[in-house]
């Protein structure tokens, strides 16, 4: 699965994208965030408060309980503000 990181999520992890093979027990957006948090200090820092990290599956906003299904791409980013 291709994973994209934006804004401070990207800065904390130190990369803007990567492709990884997901373990079989990673089935939802929340599972993936929890799995990524175990991959090192930068990942742990980026996902230390999963409630503030947003996600999009194939460019559609997704909640933590959203199944990954056959998605090809997931993006993680901080909440957005607008004016």
N, C-alpha and C. Protein backbone atom coordinates (compact mmCIF):
# COMPACT_ATOMS: atom_id res chain seq x y z
N UNK A 1 0.84 -1.16 0.00
CA UNK A 1 0.00 0.00 0.00
C UNK A 1 0.90 1.24 0.00
N UNK A 2 0.50 2.23 -0.77
CA UNK A 2 1.24 3.49 -0.79
C UNK A 2 0.71 4.38 0.33
N UNK A 3 1.63 4.91 1.12
CA UNK A 3 1.27 5.78 2.24
C UNK A 3 1.91 7.14 2.01
N UNK A 4 1.08 8.18 2.11
CA UNK A 4 1.54 9.55 1.94
C UNK A 4 1.44 10.27 3.28
N UNK A 5 2.41 11.14 3.55
CA UNK A 5 2.42 11.92 4.78
C UNK A 5 2.50 13.40 4.44
N UNK A 6 1.72 14.22 5.14
CA UNK A 6 1.68 15.65 4.86
C UNK A 6 1.93 16.48 6.11
N UNK A 7 2.45 17.69 5.90
CA UNK A 7 2.67 18.70 6.94
C UNK A 7 3.52 18.14 8.08
N UNK A 8 3.11 18.38 9.34
CA UNK A 8 3.97 17.95 10.45
C UNK A 8 4.05 16.43 10.58
N UNK A 9 3.11 15.68 10.04
CA UNK A 9 3.23 14.22 10.05
C UNK A 9 4.46 13.83 9.22
N UNK A 10 4.60 14.43 8.05
CA UNK A 10 5.76 14.18 7.17
C UNK A 10 7.05 14.61 7.87
N UNK A 11 7.04 15.76 8.50
CA UNK A 11 8.25 16.27 9.16
C UNK A 11 8.70 15.35 10.29
N UNK A 12 7.76 14.84 11.06
CA UNK A 12 8.12 13.97 12.18
C UNK A 12 8.64 12.61 11.70
N UNK A 13 8.05 12.09 10.64
CA UNK A 13 8.47 10.79 10.12
C UNK A 13 9.75 10.92 9.30
N UNK A 14 9.89 12.04 8.60
CA UNK A 14 11.10 12.25 7.81
C UNK A 14 11.00 11.76 6.38
N UNK A 15 9.80 11.53 5.92
CA UNK A 15 9.60 11.13 4.52
C UNK A 15 8.21 11.56 4.09
N UNK A 16 8.05 11.72 2.78
CA UNK A 16 6.73 12.15 2.29
C UNK A 16 5.88 10.99 1.81
N UNK A 17 6.49 9.87 1.50
CA UNK A 17 5.72 8.71 1.03
C UNK A 17 6.55 7.44 1.17
N UNK A 18 5.85 6.32 1.18
CA UNK A 18 6.50 5.02 1.16
C UNK A 18 5.47 3.97 0.76
N UNK A 19 5.96 2.84 0.33
CA UNK A 19 5.10 1.70 0.03
C UNK A 19 5.51 0.56 0.95
N UNK A 20 4.52 0.00 1.63
CA UNK A 20 4.81 -1.09 2.55
C UNK A 20 3.81 -2.23 2.36
N UNK A 21 4.24 -3.40 2.73
CA UNK A 21 3.38 -4.57 2.77
C UNK A 21 2.75 -4.60 4.16
N UNK A 22 1.44 -4.63 4.22
CA UNK A 22 0.76 -4.57 5.51
C UNK A 22 0.65 -5.95 6.15
N UNK A 23 0.87 -6.03 7.46
CA UNK A 23 0.64 -7.29 8.16
C UNK A 23 -0.84 -7.67 8.07
N UNK A 24 -1.15 -8.93 8.16
CA UNK A 24 -2.52 -9.41 8.03
C UNK A 24 -3.50 -8.87 9.05
N UNK A 25 -2.99 -8.49 10.23
CA UNK A 25 -3.90 -7.99 11.27
C UNK A 25 -4.18 -6.49 11.14
N UNK A 26 -3.64 -5.84 10.15
CA UNK A 26 -3.90 -4.42 9.91
C UNK A 26 -5.06 -4.33 8.92
N UNK A 27 -6.25 -4.03 9.46
CA UNK A 27 -7.45 -4.06 8.63
C UNK A 27 -8.16 -2.71 8.50
N UNK A 28 -7.89 -1.79 9.43
CA UNK A 28 -8.57 -0.50 9.41
C UNK A 28 -7.55 0.63 9.40
N UNK A 29 -8.04 1.84 9.18
CA UNK A 29 -7.18 3.02 9.22
C UNK A 29 -6.52 3.13 10.60
N UNK A 30 -7.29 2.89 11.66
CA UNK A 30 -6.74 2.95 13.01
C UNK A 30 -5.69 1.89 13.26
N UNK A 31 -5.91 0.68 12.74
CA UNK A 31 -4.92 -0.39 12.85
C UNK A 31 -3.62 0.03 12.19
N UNK A 32 -3.73 0.66 11.02
CA UNK A 32 -2.53 1.08 10.29
C UNK A 32 -1.78 2.15 11.06
N UNK A 33 -2.49 3.13 11.61
CA UNK A 33 -1.83 4.17 12.39
C UNK A 33 -1.10 3.56 13.59
N UNK A 34 -1.75 2.62 14.27
CA UNK A 34 -1.12 1.96 15.42
C UNK A 34 0.10 1.16 14.98
N UNK A 35 0.02 0.47 13.86
CA UNK A 35 1.15 -0.28 13.33
C UNK A 35 2.31 0.66 12.99
N UNK A 36 2.00 1.75 12.30
CA UNK A 36 3.05 2.70 11.92
C UNK A 36 3.75 3.27 13.15
N UNK A 37 3.00 3.50 14.22
CA UNK A 37 3.58 4.06 15.45
C UNK A 37 4.66 3.17 16.05
N UNK A 38 4.69 1.90 15.66
CA UNK A 38 5.69 0.97 16.20
C UNK A 38 6.96 0.92 15.35
N UNK A 39 6.99 1.68 14.25
CA UNK A 39 8.09 1.57 13.29
C UNK A 39 9.29 2.46 13.59
N UNK A 40 9.29 3.14 14.72
CA UNK A 40 10.44 3.97 15.07
C UNK A 40 10.01 5.25 15.76
N UNK A 41 11.00 5.97 16.24
CA UNK A 41 10.75 7.17 17.03
C UNK A 41 9.94 8.23 16.29
N UNK A 42 10.30 8.51 15.04
CA UNK A 42 9.58 9.52 14.27
C UNK A 42 8.13 9.15 14.05
N UNK A 43 7.88 7.88 13.75
CA UNK A 43 6.51 7.41 13.56
C UNK A 43 5.75 7.50 14.88
N UNK A 44 6.38 7.08 15.97
CA UNK A 44 5.73 7.14 17.28
C UNK A 44 5.35 8.57 17.62
N UNK A 45 6.23 9.50 17.32
CA UNK A 45 5.96 10.91 17.59
C UNK A 45 4.80 11.42 16.72
N UNK A 46 4.78 11.03 15.45
CA UNK A 46 3.73 11.48 14.53
C UNK A 46 2.35 10.95 14.94
N UNK A 47 2.32 9.73 15.45
CA UNK A 47 1.03 9.11 15.79
C UNK A 47 0.79 9.01 17.29
N UNK A 48 1.49 9.82 18.08
CA UNK A 48 1.34 9.75 19.53
C UNK A 48 -0.06 10.12 19.99
N UNK A 49 -0.75 10.96 19.25
CA UNK A 49 -2.13 11.31 19.56
C UNK A 49 -2.96 11.07 18.31
N UNK A 50 -3.41 9.84 18.11
CA UNK A 50 -4.09 9.50 16.85
C UNK A 50 -5.37 10.30 16.61
N UNK A 51 -5.94 10.89 17.65
CA UNK A 51 -7.16 11.68 17.47
C UNK A 51 -6.94 12.95 16.67
N UNK A 52 -5.69 13.40 16.56
CA UNK A 52 -5.43 14.64 15.81
C UNK A 52 -4.89 14.38 14.41
N UNK A 53 -4.67 13.13 14.06
CA UNK A 53 -4.19 12.80 12.71
C UNK A 53 -5.39 12.37 11.87
N UNK A 54 -5.54 13.00 10.73
CA UNK A 54 -6.62 12.66 9.80
C UNK A 54 -6.08 11.73 8.72
N UNK A 55 -7.01 11.04 8.05
CA UNK A 55 -6.61 10.11 7.00
C UNK A 55 -7.57 10.20 5.82
N UNK A 56 -7.05 9.85 4.66
CA UNK A 56 -7.87 9.73 3.45
C UNK A 56 -7.47 8.45 2.73
N UNK A 57 -8.45 7.66 2.39
CA UNK A 57 -8.24 6.43 1.61
C UNK A 57 -8.62 6.72 0.17
N UNK A 58 -7.68 6.54 -0.71
CA UNK A 58 -7.91 6.84 -2.13
C UNK A 58 -8.59 8.21 -2.29
N UNK A 59 -8.07 9.18 -1.56
CA UNK A 59 -8.48 10.60 -1.62
C UNK A 59 -9.87 10.89 -1.07
N UNK A 60 -10.39 9.99 -0.24
CA UNK A 60 -11.66 10.21 0.43
C UNK A 60 -11.42 10.14 1.93
N UNK A 61 -11.87 11.16 2.66
CA UNK A 61 -11.66 11.18 4.11
C UNK A 61 -12.16 9.89 4.73
N UNK A 62 -11.40 9.40 5.71
CA UNK A 62 -11.72 8.12 6.35
C UNK A 62 -11.55 8.23 7.86
N UNK A 63 -12.44 7.56 8.57
CA UNK A 63 -12.36 7.50 10.03
C UNK A 63 -11.46 6.34 10.45
N UNK A 64 -11.02 6.33 11.71
CA UNK A 64 -10.15 5.24 12.17
C UNK A 64 -10.75 3.85 12.00
N UNK A 65 -12.07 3.73 12.07
CA UNK A 65 -12.70 2.41 11.95
C UNK A 65 -13.00 2.02 10.50
N UNK A 66 -12.59 2.85 9.54
CA UNK A 66 -12.81 2.54 8.13
C UNK A 66 -11.92 1.38 7.69
N UNK A 67 -12.50 0.33 7.11
CA UNK A 67 -11.68 -0.78 6.61
C UNK A 67 -10.78 -0.32 5.46
N UNK A 68 -9.57 -0.85 5.42
CA UNK A 68 -8.65 -0.52 4.33
C UNK A 68 -9.11 -1.16 3.02
N UNK A 69 -9.73 -2.31 3.12
CA UNK A 69 -10.27 -2.98 1.94
C UNK A 69 -9.25 -3.09 0.81
N UNK A 70 -9.63 -2.65 -0.37
CA UNK A 70 -8.76 -2.73 -1.53
C UNK A 70 -8.14 -1.38 -1.89
N UNK A 71 -8.12 -0.48 -0.93
CA UNK A 71 -7.54 0.85 -1.18
C UNK A 71 -6.10 0.71 -1.65
N UNK A 72 -5.71 1.60 -2.54
CA UNK A 72 -4.34 1.59 -3.06
C UNK A 72 -3.46 2.61 -2.37
N UNK A 73 -4.09 3.64 -1.79
CA UNK A 73 -3.32 4.74 -1.22
C UNK A 73 -4.02 5.27 0.02
N UNK A 74 -3.20 5.60 1.02
CA UNK A 74 -3.72 6.26 2.21
C UNK A 74 -2.82 7.45 2.51
N UNK A 75 -3.45 8.53 2.91
CA UNK A 75 -2.71 9.73 3.28
C UNK A 75 -3.00 10.07 4.73
N UNK A 76 -1.98 10.48 5.45
CA UNK A 76 -2.14 10.95 6.83
C UNK A 76 -1.73 12.41 6.88
N UNK A 77 -2.53 13.21 7.59
CA UNK A 77 -2.29 14.65 7.65
C UNK A 77 -2.93 15.23 8.90
N UNK A 78 -2.48 16.41 9.33
CA UNK A 78 -3.08 17.05 10.49
C UNK A 78 -4.43 17.66 10.12
N UNK A 79 -5.23 18.00 11.13
CA UNK A 79 -6.51 18.68 10.84
C UNK A 79 -6.25 19.96 10.06
N UNK A 80 -7.15 20.29 9.18
CA UNK A 80 -7.00 21.49 8.37
C UNK A 80 -7.86 22.61 8.93
N UNK A 81 -7.39 23.81 8.77
CA UNK A 81 -8.18 24.97 9.13
C UNK A 81 -8.32 25.84 7.90
N UNK A 82 -9.34 26.58 7.88
CA UNK A 82 -9.56 27.44 6.72
C UNK A 82 -10.15 28.76 7.15
N UNK A 83 -10.21 29.66 6.22
CA UNK A 83 -10.75 30.97 6.59
C UNK A 83 -11.69 31.47 5.56
